[in-house]
Amino acid sequence: ACARRQERGVLAVVVRGSITTALDHILLVSAVVSIV
């Protein structure tokens, strides 16, 4: 809400990408732990 109108689109892409990357890391760690 406090970001400027021009920055909101870029900010939305960054937030979506960071959530996806975090989920990928969590799934990778859980897969390695279960295989081990």
PDB file of all heavy atoms in Angstrom:
ATOM      1  N   ALA A   1       0.824  -1.209   0.000  1.00  0.00           N
ATOM      2  CA  ALA A   1       0.000   0.000   0.000  1.00  0.00           C
ATOM      3  C   ALA A   1       0.858   1.258   0.000  1.00  0.00           C
ATOM      4  O   ALA A   1       0.459   2.281  -0.550  1.00  0.00           O
ATOM      5  CB  ALA A   1      -0.932  -0.005   1.198  1.00  0.00           C
ATOM      6  N   CYS A   2       2.029   1.194   0.617  1.00  0.00           N
ATOM      7  CA  CYS A   2       2.862   2.392   0.681  1.00  0.00           C
ATOM      8  C   CYS A   2       3.790   2.528  -0.532  1.00  0.00           C
ATOM      9  O   CYS A   2       4.502   3.509  -0.651  1.00  0.00           O
ATOM     10  CB  CYS A   2       3.661   2.403   1.978  1.00  0.00           C
ATOM     11  SG  CYS A   2       4.780   1.021   2.159  1.00  0.00           S
ATOM     12  N   ALA A   3       3.788   1.550  -1.434  1.00  0.00           N
ATOM     13  CA  ALA A   3       4.627   1.625  -2.639  1.00  0.00           C
ATOM     14  C   ALA A   3       3.946   2.492  -3.690  1.00  0.00           C
ATOM     15  O   ALA A   3       2.721   2.576  -3.741  1.00  0.00           O
ATOM     16  CB  ALA A   3       4.876   0.231  -3.193  1.00  0.00           C
ATOM     17  N   ARG A   4       4.770   3.123  -4.503  1.00  0.00           N
ATOM     18  CA  ARG A   4       4.217   3.943  -5.581  1.00  0.00           C
ATOM     19  C   ARG A   4       3.587   3.064  -6.650  1.00  0.00           C
ATOM     20  O   ARG A   4       3.898   1.871  -6.749  1.00  0.00           O
ATOM     21  CB  ARG A   4       5.322   4.796  -6.185  1.00  0.00           C
ATOM     22  CG  ARG A   4       5.734   5.916  -5.249  1.00  0.00           C
ATOM     23  CD  ARG A   4       6.757   6.756  -5.915  1.00  0.00           C
ATOM     24  NE  ARG A   4       8.021   5.996  -5.841  1.00  0.00           N
ATOM     25  CZ  ARG A   4       9.198   6.506  -6.102  1.00  0.00           C
ATOM     26  NH1 ARG A   4       9.311   7.755  -6.505  1.00  0.00           N
ATOM     27  NH2 ARG A   4      10.279   5.786  -6.001  1.00  0.00           N
ATOM     28  N   ARG A   5       2.707   3.624  -7.414  1.00  0.00           N
ATOM     29  CA  ARG A   5       1.959   2.895  -8.431  1.00  0.00           C
ATOM     30  C   ARG A   5       2.889   2.200  -9.420  1.00  0.00           C
ATOM     31  O   ARG A   5       2.652   1.072  -9.819  1.00  0.00           O
ATOM     32  CB  ARG A   5       1.014   3.827  -9.157  1.00  0.00           C
ATOM     33  CG  ARG A   5       0.137   3.136 -10.171  1.00  0.00           C
ATOM     34  CD  ARG A   5      -0.836   4.092 -10.794  1.00  0.00           C
ATOM     35  NE  ARG A   5      -1.797   4.589  -9.819  1.00  0.00           N
ATOM     36  CZ  ARG A   5      -3.033   4.097  -9.670  1.00  0.00           C
ATOM     37  NH1 ARG A   5      -3.428   3.116 -10.434  1.00  0.00           N
ATOM     38  NH2 ARG A   5      -3.841   4.570  -8.766  1.00  0.00           N
ATOM     39  N   GLN A   6       3.975   2.818  -9.807  1.00  0.00           N
ATOM     40  CA  GLN A   6       4.908   2.243 -10.769  1.00  0.00           C
ATOM     41  C   GLN A   6       5.662   1.065 -10.177  1.00  0.00           C
ATOM     42  O   GLN A   6       6.076   0.153 -10.876  1.00  0.00           O
ATOM     43  CB  GLN A   6       5.930   3.294 -11.242  1.00  0.00           C
ATOM     44  CG  GLN A   6       5.343   4.461 -11.977  1.00  0.00           C
ATOM     45  CD  GLN A   6       4.923   5.586 -11.032  1.00  0.00           C
ATOM     46  OE1 GLN A   6       5.165   5.520  -9.839  1.00  0.00           O
ATOM     47  NE2 GLN A   6       4.262   6.593 -11.574  1.00  0.00           N
ATOM     48  N   GLU A   7       5.857   1.054  -8.868  1.00  0.00           N
ATOM     49  CA  GLU A   7       6.638   0.004  -8.202  1.00  0.00           C
ATOM     50  C   GLU A   7       5.792  -1.208  -7.794  1.00  0.00           C
ATOM     51  O   GLU A   7       6.333  -2.243  -7.455  1.00  0.00           O
ATOM     52  CB  GLU A   7       7.325   0.592  -6.969  1.00  0.00           C
ATOM     53  CG  GLU A   7       8.336   1.667  -7.301  1.00  0.00           C
ATOM     54  CD  GLU A   7       8.861   2.348  -6.060  1.00  0.00           C
ATOM     55  OE1 GLU A   7       8.277   2.144  -4.972  1.00  0.00           O
ATOM     56  OE2 GLU A   7       9.850   3.074  -6.164  1.00  0.00           O
ATOM     57  N   ARG A   8       4.492  -1.065  -7.808  1.00  0.00           N
ATOM     58  CA  ARG A   8       3.621  -2.154  -7.328  1.00  0.00           C
ATOM     59  C   ARG A   8       3.719  -3.399  -8.202  1.00  0.00           C
ATOM     60  O   ARG A   8       3.729  -4.512  -7.698  1.00  0.00           O
ATOM     61  CB  ARG A   8       2.173  -1.698  -7.261  1.00  0.00           C
ATOM     62  CG  ARG A   8       1.927  -0.764  -6.120  1.00  0.00           C
ATOM     63  CD  ARG A   8       0.478  -0.409  -5.992  1.00  0.00           C
ATOM     64  NE  ARG A   8       0.323   0.629  -4.970  1.00  0.00           N
ATOM     65  CZ  ARG A   8      -0.775   1.298  -4.773  1.00  0.00           C
ATOM     66  NH1 ARG A   8      -1.842   1.067  -5.522  1.00  0.00           N
ATOM     67  NH2 ARG A   8      -0.836   2.209  -3.833  1.00  0.00           N
ATOM     68  N   GLY A   9       3.797  -3.248  -9.501  1.00  0.00           N
ATOM     69  CA  GLY A   9       3.915  -4.408 -10.385  1.00  0.00           C
ATOM     70  C   GLY A   9       5.216  -5.160 -10.162  1.00  0.00           C
ATOM     71  O   GLY A   9       5.245  -6.397 -10.090  1.00  0.00           O
ATOM     72  N   VAL A  10       6.308  -4.411 -10.021  1.00  0.00           N
ATOM     73  CA  VAL A  10       7.610  -5.031  -9.770  1.00  0.00           C
ATOM     74  C   VAL A  10       7.610  -5.689  -8.395  1.00  0.00           C
ATOM     75  O   VAL A  10       8.119  -6.804  -8.220  1.00  0.00           O
ATOM     76  CB  VAL A  10       8.741  -3.974  -9.874  1.00  0.00           C
ATOM     77  CG1 VAL A  10      10.078  -4.571  -9.489  1.00  0.00           C
ATOM     78  CG2 VAL A  10       8.781  -3.382 -11.264  1.00  0.00           C
ATOM     79  N   LEU A  11       7.029  -5.016  -7.423  1.00  0.00           N
ATOM     80  CA  LEU A  11       6.970  -5.561  -6.066  1.00  0.00           C
ATOM     81  C   LEU A  11       6.149  -6.846  -6.025  1.00  0.00           C
ATOM     82  O   LEU A  11       6.509  -7.805  -5.337  1.00  0.00           O
ATOM     83  CB  LEU A  11       6.385  -4.519  -5.115  1.00  0.00           C
ATOM     84  CG  LEU A  11       6.407  -4.838  -3.631  1.00  0.00           C
ATOM     85  CD1 LEU A  11       7.843  -5.069  -3.162  1.00  0.00           C
ATOM     86  CD2 LEU A  11       5.767  -3.735  -2.833  1.00  0.00           C
ATOM     87  N   ALA A  12       5.048  -6.918  -6.769  1.00  0.00           N
ATOM     88  CA  ALA A  12       4.222  -8.123  -6.815  1.00  0.00           C
ATOM     89  C   ALA A  12       4.989  -9.295  -7.411  1.00  0.00           C
ATOM     90  O   ALA A  12       4.905 -10.434  -6.923  1.00  0.00           O
ATOM     91  CB  ALA A  12       2.957  -7.865  -7.610  1.00  0.00           C
ATOM     92  N   VAL A  13       5.780  -9.037  -8.453  1.00  0.00           N
ATOM     93  CA  VAL A  13       6.583 -10.095  -9.068  1.00  0.00           C
ATOM     94  C   VAL A  13       7.655 -10.580  -8.105  1.00  0.00           C
ATOM     95  O   VAL A  13       7.906 -11.787  -7.975  1.00  0.00           O
ATOM     96  CB  VAL A  13       7.210  -9.592 -10.396  1.00  0.00           C
ATOM     97  CG1 VAL A  13       8.224 -10.591 -10.925  1.00  0.00           C
ATOM     98  CG2 VAL A  13       6.134  -9.326 -11.411  1.00  0.00           C
ATOM     99  N   VAL A  14       8.273  -9.665  -7.383  1.00  0.00           N
ATOM    100  CA  VAL A  14       9.324 -10.036  -6.425  1.00  0.00           C
ATOM    101  C   VAL A  14       8.741 -10.852  -5.275  1.00  0.00           C
ATOM    102  O   VAL A  14       9.318 -11.865  -4.857  1.00  0.00           O
ATOM    103  CB  VAL A  14      10.044  -8.773  -5.902  1.00  0.00           C
ATOM    104  CG1 VAL A  14      10.963  -9.102  -4.744  1.00  0.00           C
ATOM    105  CG2 VAL A  14      10.818  -8.096  -7.021  1.00  0.00           C
ATOM    106  N   VAL A  15       7.589 -10.451  -4.771  1.00  0.00           N
ATOM    107  CA  VAL A  15       6.955 -11.185  -3.658  1.00  0.00           C
ATOM    108  C   VAL A  15       6.565 -12.585  -4.111  1.00  0.00           C
ATOM    109  O   VAL A  15       6.823 -13.573  -3.419  1.00  0.00           O
ATOM    110  CB  VAL A  15       5.740 -10.402  -3.128  1.00  0.00           C
ATOM    111  CG1 VAL A  15       4.904 -11.269  -2.201  1.00  0.00           C
ATOM    112  CG2 VAL A  15       6.184  -9.150  -2.412  1.00  0.00           C
ATOM    113  N   ARG A  16       5.954 -12.695  -5.287  1.00  0.00           N
ATOM    114  CA  ARG A  16       5.550 -14.000  -5.802  1.00  0.00           C
ATOM    115  C   ARG A  16       6.777 -14.889  -6.027  1.00  0.00           C
ATOM    116  O   ARG A  16       6.771 -16.072  -5.703  1.00  0.00           O
ATOM    117  CB  ARG A  16       4.766 -13.855  -7.090  1.00  0.00           C
ATOM    118  CG  ARG A  16       4.209 -15.178  -7.580  1.00  0.00           C
ATOM    119  CD  ARG A  16       3.354 -15.012  -8.823  1.00  0.00           C
ATOM    120  NE  ARG A  16       2.188 -14.188  -8.523  1.00  0.00           N
ATOM    121  CZ  ARG A  16       1.762 -13.191  -9.295  1.00  0.00           C
ATOM    122  NH1 ARG A  16       2.378 -12.893 -10.396  1.00  0.00           N
ATOM    123  NH2 ARG A  16       0.691 -12.514  -8.958  1.00  0.00           N
ATOM    124  N   GLY A  17       7.830 -14.330  -6.549  1.00  0.00           N
ATOM    125  CA  GLY A  17       9.059 -15.095  -6.783  1.00  0.00           C
ATOM    126  C   GLY A  17       9.714 -15.545  -5.496  1.00  0.00           C
ATOM    127  O   GLY A  17      10.229 -16.668  -5.408  1.00  0.00           O
ATOM    128  N   SER A  18       9.696 -14.682  -4.483  1.00  0.00           N
ATOM    129  CA  SER A  18      10.320 -15.064  -3.214  1.00  0.00           C
ATOM    130  C   SER A  18       9.525 -16.155  -2.509  1.00  0.00           C
ATOM    131  O   SER A  18      10.102 -17.064  -1.895  1.00  0.00           O
ATOM    132  CB  SER A  18      10.477 -13.845  -2.313  1.00  0.00           C
ATOM    133  OG  SER A  18       9.208 -13.330  -1.964  1.00  0.00           O
ATOM    134  N   ILE A  19       8.202 -16.097  -2.591  1.00  0.00           N
ATOM    135  CA  ILE A  19       7.373 -17.151  -1.986  1.00  0.00           C
ATOM    136  C   ILE A  19       7.605 -18.475  -2.707  1.00  0.00           C
ATOM    137  O   ILE A  19       7.752 -19.528  -2.071  1.00  0.00           O
ATOM    138  CB  ILE A  19       5.881 -16.753  -2.020  1.00  0.00           C
ATOM    139  CG1 ILE A  19       5.636 -15.613  -1.048  1.00  0.00           C
ATOM    140  CG2 ILE A  19       4.994 -17.940  -1.681  1.00  0.00           C
ATOM    141  CD1 ILE A  19       4.243 -15.030  -1.117  1.00  0.00           C
ATOM    142  N   THR A  20       7.688 -18.440  -4.031  1.00  0.00           N
ATOM    143  CA  THR A  20       7.926 -19.660  -4.805  1.00  0.00           C
ATOM    144  C   THR A  20       9.295 -20.238  -4.499  1.00  0.00           C
ATOM    145  O   THR A  20       9.456 -21.453  -4.336  1.00  0.00           O
ATOM    146  CB  THR A  20       7.810 -19.351  -6.313  1.00  0.00           C
ATOM    147  OG1 THR A  20       6.543 -18.776  -6.559  1.00  0.00           O
ATOM    148  CG2 THR A  20       7.967 -20.597  -7.131  1.00  0.00           C
ATOM    149  N   THR A  21      10.300 -19.377  -4.381  1.00  0.00           N
ATOM    150  CA  THR A  21      11.654 -19.842  -4.071  1.00  0.00           C
ATOM    151  C   THR A  21      11.708 -20.451  -2.668  1.00  0.00           C
ATOM    152  O   THR A  21      12.342 -21.490  -2.463  1.00  0.00           O
ATOM    153  CB  THR A  21      12.651 -18.681  -4.183  1.00  0.00           C
ATOM    154  OG1 THR A  21      12.576 -18.140  -5.495  1.00  0.00           O
ATOM    155  CG2 THR A  21      14.064 -19.142  -3.915  1.00  0.00           C
ATOM    156  N   ALA A  22      11.039 -19.821  -1.712  1.00  0.00           N
ATOM    157  CA  ALA A  22      11.021 -20.357  -0.347  1.00  0.00           C
ATOM    158  C   ALA A  22      10.343 -21.715  -0.310  1.00  0.00           C
ATOM    159  O   ALA A  22      10.823 -22.649   0.359  1.00  0.00           O
ATOM    160  CB  ALA A  22      10.322 -19.379   0.587  1.00  0.00           C
ATOM    161  N   LEU A  23       9.231 -21.858  -1.025  1.00  0.00           N
ATOM    162  CA  LEU A  23       8.538 -23.140  -1.065  1.00  0.00           C
ATOM    163  C   LEU A  23       9.399 -24.202  -1.735  1.00  0.00           C
ATOM    164  O   LEU A  23       9.431 -25.356  -1.288  1.00  0.00           O
ATOM    165  CB  LEU A  23       7.200 -22.996  -1.792  1.00  0.00           C
ATOM    166  CG  LEU A  23       6.331 -24.242  -1.860  1.00  0.00           C
ATOM    167  CD1 LEU A  23       5.961 -24.698  -0.463  1.00  0.00           C
ATOM    168  CD2 LEU A  23       5.084 -23.972  -2.674  1.00  0.00           C
ATOM    169  N   ASP A  24      10.110 -23.839  -2.787  1.00  0.00           N
ATOM    170  CA  ASP A  24      11.023 -24.785  -3.442  1.00  0.00           C
ATOM    171  C   ASP A  24      12.100 -25.269  -2.481  1.00  0.00           C
ATOM    172  O   ASP A  24      12.434 -26.457  -2.444  1.00  0.00           O
ATOM    173  CB  ASP A  24      11.679 -24.134  -4.668  1.00  0.00           C
ATOM    174  CG  ASP A  24      10.733 -23.990  -5.832  1.00  0.00           C
ATOM    175  OD1 ASP A  24       9.669 -24.635  -5.813  1.00  0.00           O
ATOM    176  OD2 ASP A  24      11.065 -23.224  -6.763  1.00  0.00           O
ATOM    177  N   HIS A  25      12.650 -24.359  -1.693  1.00  0.00           N
ATOM    178  CA  HIS A  25      13.684 -24.756  -0.728  1.00  0.00           C
ATOM    179  C   HIS A  25      13.121 -25.684   0.348  1.00  0.00           C
ATOM    180  O   HIS A  25      13.759 -26.666   0.736  1.00  0.00           O
ATOM    181  CB  HIS A  25      14.324 -23.521  -0.090  1.00  0.00           C
ATOM    182  CG  HIS A  25      15.248 -22.789  -1.012  1.00  0.00           C
ATOM    183  ND1 HIS A  25      14.996 -21.515  -1.433  1.00  0.00           N
ATOM    184  CD2 HIS A  25      16.405 -23.164  -1.609  1.00  0.00           C
ATOM    185  CE1 HIS A  25      15.959 -21.123  -2.236  1.00  0.00           C
ATOM    186  NE2 HIS A  25      16.832 -22.106  -2.366  1.00  0.00           N
ATOM    187  N   ILE A  26      11.929 -25.366   0.834  1.00  0.00           N
ATOM    188  CA  ILE A  26      11.308 -26.214   1.862  1.00  0.00           C
ATOM    189  C   ILE A  26      11.052 -27.614   1.319  1.00  0.00           C
ATOM    190  O   ILE A  26      11.335 -28.622   1.984  1.00  0.00           O
ATOM    191  CB  ILE A  26      10.001 -25.568   2.360  1.00  0.00           C
ATOM    192  CG1 ILE A  26      10.311 -24.321   3.166  1.00  0.00           C
ATOM    193  CG2 ILE A  26       9.187 -26.550   3.195  1.00  0.00           C
ATOM    194  CD1 ILE A  26       9.093 -23.486   3.507  1.00  0.00           C
ATOM    195  N   LEU A  27      10.535 -27.703   0.098  1.00  0.00           N
ATOM    196  CA  LEU A  27      10.256 -29.016  -0.487  1.00  0.00           C
ATOM    197  C   LEU A  27      11.540 -29.788  -0.773  1.00  0.00           C
ATOM    198  O   LEU A  27      11.585 -31.010  -0.602  1.00  0.00           O
ATOM    199  CB  LEU A  27       9.433 -28.857  -1.768  1.00  0.00           C
ATOM    200  CG  LEU A  27       8.005 -28.351  -1.572  1.00  0.00           C
ATOM    201  CD1 LEU A  27       7.337 -28.115  -2.914  1.00  0.00           C
ATOM    202  CD2 LEU A  27       7.206 -29.319  -0.739  1.00  0.00           C
ATOM    203  N   LEU A  28      12.583 -29.101  -1.191  1.00  0.00           N
ATOM    204  CA  LEU A  28      13.855 -29.769  -1.452  1.00  0.00           C
ATOM    205  C   LEU A  28      14.455 -30.328  -0.172  1.00  0.00           C
ATOM    206  O   LEU A  28      14.911 -31.475  -0.130  1.00  0.00           O
ATOM    207  CB  LEU A  28      14.832 -28.798  -2.117  1.00  0.00           C
ATOM    208  CG  LEU A  28      16.198 -29.358  -2.455  1.00  0.00           C
ATOM    209  CD1 LEU A  28      16.068 -30.447  -3.517  1.00  0.00           C
ATOM    210  CD2 LEU A  28      17.112 -28.249  -2.938  1.00  0.00           C
ATOM    211  N   VAL A  29      14.428 -29.547   0.892  1.00  0.00           N
ATOM    212  CA  VAL A  29      14.966 -30.013   2.177  1.00  0.00           C
ATOM    213  C   VAL A  29      14.153 -31.188   2.697  1.00  0.00           C
ATOM    214  O   VAL A  29      14.711 -32.193   3.176  1.00  0.00           O
ATOM    215  CB  VAL A  29      14.997 -28.857   3.200  1.00  0.00           C
ATOM    216  CG1 VAL A  29      15.272 -29.366   4.605  1.00  0.00           C
ATOM    217  CG2 VAL A  29      16.045 -27.834   2.803  1.00  0.00           C
ATOM    218  N   SER A  30      12.828 -31.132   2.603  1.00  0.00           N
ATOM    219  CA  SER A  30      12.010 -32.243   3.096  1.00  0.00           C
ATOM    220  C   SER A  30      12.215 -33.500   2.256  1.00  0.00           C
ATOM    221  O   SER A  30      12.202 -34.616   2.790  1.00  0.00           O
ATOM    222  CB  SER A  30      10.538 -31.856   3.126  1.00  0.00           C
ATOM    223  OG  SER A  30      10.075 -31.607   1.814  1.00  0.00           O
ATOM    224  N   ALA A  31      12.436 -33.358   0.953  1.00  0.00           N
ATOM    225  CA  ALA A  31      12.705 -34.524   0.110  1.00  0.00           C
ATOM    226  C   ALA A  31      14.037 -35.167   0.480  1.00  0.00           C
ATOM    227  O   ALA A  31      14.139 -36.400   0.575  1.00  0.00           O
ATOM    228  CB  ALA A  31      12.701 -34.129  -1.357  1.00  0.00           C
ATOM    229  N   VAL A  32      15.049 -34.355   0.710  1.00  0.00           N
ATOM    230  CA  VAL A  32      16.359 -34.898   1.092  1.00  0.00           C
ATOM    231  C   VAL A  32      16.272 -35.594   2.445  1.00  0.00           C
ATOM    232  O   VAL A  32      16.816 -36.692   2.632  1.00  0.00           O
ATOM    233  CB  VAL A  32      17.425 -33.776   1.089  1.00  0.00           C
ATOM    234  CG1 VAL A  32      18.715 -34.240   1.741  1.00  0.00           C
ATOM    235  CG2 VAL A  32      17.679 -33.294  -0.328  1.00  0.00           C
ATOM    236  N   VAL A  33      15.575 -34.988   3.394  1.00  0.00           N
ATOM    237  CA  VAL A  33      15.435 -35.593   4.724  1.00  0.00           C
ATOM    238  C   VAL A  33      14.697 -36.920   4.631  1.00  0.00           C
ATOM    239  O   VAL A  33      15.091 -37.912   5.268  1.00  0.00           O
ATOM    240  CB  VAL A  33      14.722 -34.620   5.691  1.00  0.00           C
ATOM    241  CG1 VAL A  33      14.280 -35.320   6.960  1.00  0.00           C
ATOM    242  CG2 VAL A  33      15.629 -33.457   6.025  1.00  0.00           C
ATOM    243  N   SER A  34      13.641 -37.001   3.841  1.00  0.00           N
ATOM    244  CA  SER A  34      12.889 -38.254   3.745  1.00  0.00           C
ATOM    245  C   SER A  34      13.694 -39.341   3.036  1.00  0.00           C
ATOM    246  O   SER A  34      13.628 -40.512   3.421  1.00  0.00           O
ATOM    247  CB  SER A  34      11.560 -38.028   3.034  1.00  0.00           C
ATOM    248  OG  SER A  34      11.781 -37.646   1.694  1.00  0.00           O
ATOM    249  N   ILE A  35      14.478 -38.987   2.029  1.00  0.00           N
ATOM    250  CA  ILE A  35      15.314 -39.990   1.360  1.00  0.00           C
ATOM    251  C   ILE A  35      16.394 -40.500   2.298  1.00  0.00           C
ATOM    252  O   ILE A  35      16.645 -41.710   2.386  1.00  0.00           O
ATOM    253  CB  ILE A  35      15.905 -39.408   0.066  1.00  0.00           C
ATOM    254  CG1 ILE A  35      14.807 -39.228  -0.975  1.00  0.00           C
ATOM    255  CG2 ILE A  35      17.020 -40.284  -0.485  1.00  0.00           C
ATOM    256  CD1 ILE A  35      15.230 -38.476  -2.207  1.00  0.00           C
ATOM    257  N   VAL A  36      17.035 -39.600   3.027  1.00  0.00           N
ATOM    258  CA  VAL A  36      18.075 -40.015   3.976  1.00  0.00           C
ATOM    259  C   VAL A  36      17.469 -40.892   5.073  1.00  0.00           C
ATOM    260  O   VAL A  36      18.055 -41.910   5.464  1.00  0.00           O
ATOM    261  CB  VAL A  36      18.788 -38.781   4.569  1.00  0.00           C
ATOM    262  CG1 VAL A  36      19.662 -39.149   5.757  1.00  0.00           C
ATOM    263  CG2 VAL A  36      19.621 -38.096   3.498  1.00  0.00           C
TER     264      VAL A  36
END
